[in-house]
Amino acid sequence: MKNLVDQINAQIELFAVNAAAQVEKNNKAAGTRARKAALELTKLLKEFRKVSVEEAKK
C-alpha cells in the first residue's frame, strides 16, 4: 500500500509539472505528457481504491 501511495504521489507531481508547462509556456509536448500522467494516475487511483477496500475488510 505504501508503494502504491508513493507511485500516486510521483504521478501527481509529474502531472503538475507538465500541466504547468503546457499552460504557462504553451508546450504541446508537455500537454501530451500531462495527459499520459493523468491516465496512469487514474489507473493507480482505481488500484488504490481496490486495495483500500480489501484492507478495510480485514
C-alpha atoms as a PDB file:
ATOM      1  CA  MET A   1       0.000   0.000   0.000  1.00  0.00           C
ATOM      2  CA  LYS A   2       2.865   2.382   0.850  1.00  0.00           C
ATOM      3  CA  ASN A   3       4.469   1.711  -2.544  1.00  0.00           C
ATOM      4  CA  LEU A   4       1.160   2.439  -4.271  1.00  0.00           C
ATOM      5  CA  VAL A   5       0.797   5.761  -2.453  1.00  0.00           C
ATOM      6  CA  ASP A   6       4.354   6.683  -3.444  1.00  0.00           C
ATOM      7  CA  GLN A   7       3.567   5.909  -7.090  1.00  0.00           C
ATOM      8  CA  ILE A   8       0.415   8.054  -6.917  1.00  0.00           C
ATOM      9  CA  ASN A   9       2.360  10.968  -5.444  1.00  0.00           C
ATOM     10  CA  ALA A  10       5.006  10.673  -8.165  1.00  0.00           C
ATOM     11  CA  GLN A  11       2.344  10.734 -10.899  1.00  0.00           C
ATOM     12  CA  ILE A  12       0.640  13.742  -9.310  1.00  0.00           C
ATOM     13  CA  GLU A  13       3.955  15.610  -9.282  1.00  0.00           C
ATOM     14  CA  LEU A  14       4.675  14.618 -12.891  1.00  0.00           C
ATOM     15  CA  PHE A  15       1.205  15.744 -13.956  1.00  0.00           C
ATOM     16  CA  ALA A  16       1.524  19.075 -12.147  1.00  0.00           C
ATOM     17  CA  VAL A  17       4.899  19.882 -13.710  1.00  0.00           C
ATOM     18  CA  ASN A  18       3.785  19.042 -17.238  1.00  0.00           C
ATOM     19  CA  ALA A  19       0.372  20.689 -16.936  1.00  0.00           C
ATOM     20  CA  ALA A  20       2.032  23.878 -15.707  1.00  0.00           C
ATOM     21  CA  ALA A  21       4.476  23.813 -18.624  1.00  0.00           C
ATOM     22  CA  GLN A  22       1.590  23.451 -21.044  1.00  0.00           C
ATOM     23  CA  VAL A  23      -0.397  26.301 -19.529  1.00  0.00           C
ATOM     24  CA  GLU A  24       2.464  28.719 -18.912  1.00  0.00           C
ATOM     25  CA  LYS A  25       4.651  28.056 -21.945  1.00  0.00           C
ATOM     26  CA  ASN A  26       2.087  26.609 -24.372  1.00  0.00           C
ATOM     27  CA  ASN A  27       4.275  23.493 -24.589  1.00  0.00           C
ATOM     28  CA  LYS A  28       2.281  20.919 -26.575  1.00  0.00           C
ATOM     29  CA  ALA A  29       4.613  18.022 -25.724  1.00  0.00           C
ATOM     30  CA  ALA A  30       4.145  18.766 -22.027  1.00  0.00           C
ATOM     31  CA  GLY A  31       0.393  18.586 -22.575  1.00  0.00           C
ATOM     32  CA  THR A  32       0.792  15.117 -24.034  1.00  0.00           C
ATOM     33  CA  ARG A  33       2.909  14.052 -21.063  1.00  0.00           C
ATOM     34  CA  ALA A  34       0.351  15.537 -18.655  1.00  0.00           C
ATOM     35  CA  ARG A  35      -2.476  13.589 -20.294  1.00  0.00           C
ATOM     36  CA  LYS A  36      -0.429  10.389 -20.128  1.00  0.00           C
ATOM     37  CA  ALA A  37       0.278  11.018 -16.438  1.00  0.00           C
ATOM     38  CA  ALA A  38      -3.441  11.629 -15.852  1.00  0.00           C
ATOM     39  CA  LEU A  39      -4.315   8.262 -17.409  1.00  0.00           C
ATOM     40  CA  GLU A  40      -1.710   6.495 -15.316  1.00  0.00           C
ATOM     41  CA  LEU A  41      -2.957   8.332 -12.235  1.00  0.00           C
ATOM     42  CA  THR A  42      -6.486   7.118 -12.932  1.00  0.00           C
ATOM     43  CA  LYS A  43      -5.263   3.519 -13.056  1.00  0.00           C
ATOM     44  CA  LEU A  44      -3.299   3.926  -9.837  1.00  0.00           C
ATOM     45  CA  LEU A  45      -6.232   5.526  -8.015  1.00  0.00           C
ATOM     46  CA  LYS A  46      -8.521   2.662  -9.034  1.00  0.00           C
ATOM     47  CA  GLU A  47      -5.929   0.211  -7.758  1.00  0.00           C
ATOM     48  CA  PHE A  48      -5.668   2.213  -4.512  1.00  0.00           C
ATOM     49  CA  ARG A  49      -9.424   2.032  -4.057  1.00  0.00           C
ATOM     50  CA  LYS A  50      -9.364  -1.742  -4.599  1.00  0.00           C
ATOM     51  CA  VAL A  51      -6.516  -2.271  -2.125  1.00  0.00           C
ATOM     52  CA  SER A  52      -8.047   0.116   0.388  1.00  0.00           C
ATOM     53  CA  VAL A  53     -11.361  -1.725   0.363  1.00  0.00           C
ATOM     54  CA  GLU A  54      -9.562  -5.045   0.844  1.00  0.00           C
ATOM     55  CA  GLU A  55      -7.586  -3.636   3.785  1.00  0.00           C
ATOM     56  CA  ALA A  56     -10.768  -2.281   5.363  1.00  0.00           C
ATOM     57  CA  LYS A  57     -12.340  -5.748   5.265  1.00  0.00           C
ATOM     58  CA  LYS A  58      -9.533  -7.231   7.378  1.00  0.00           C
END
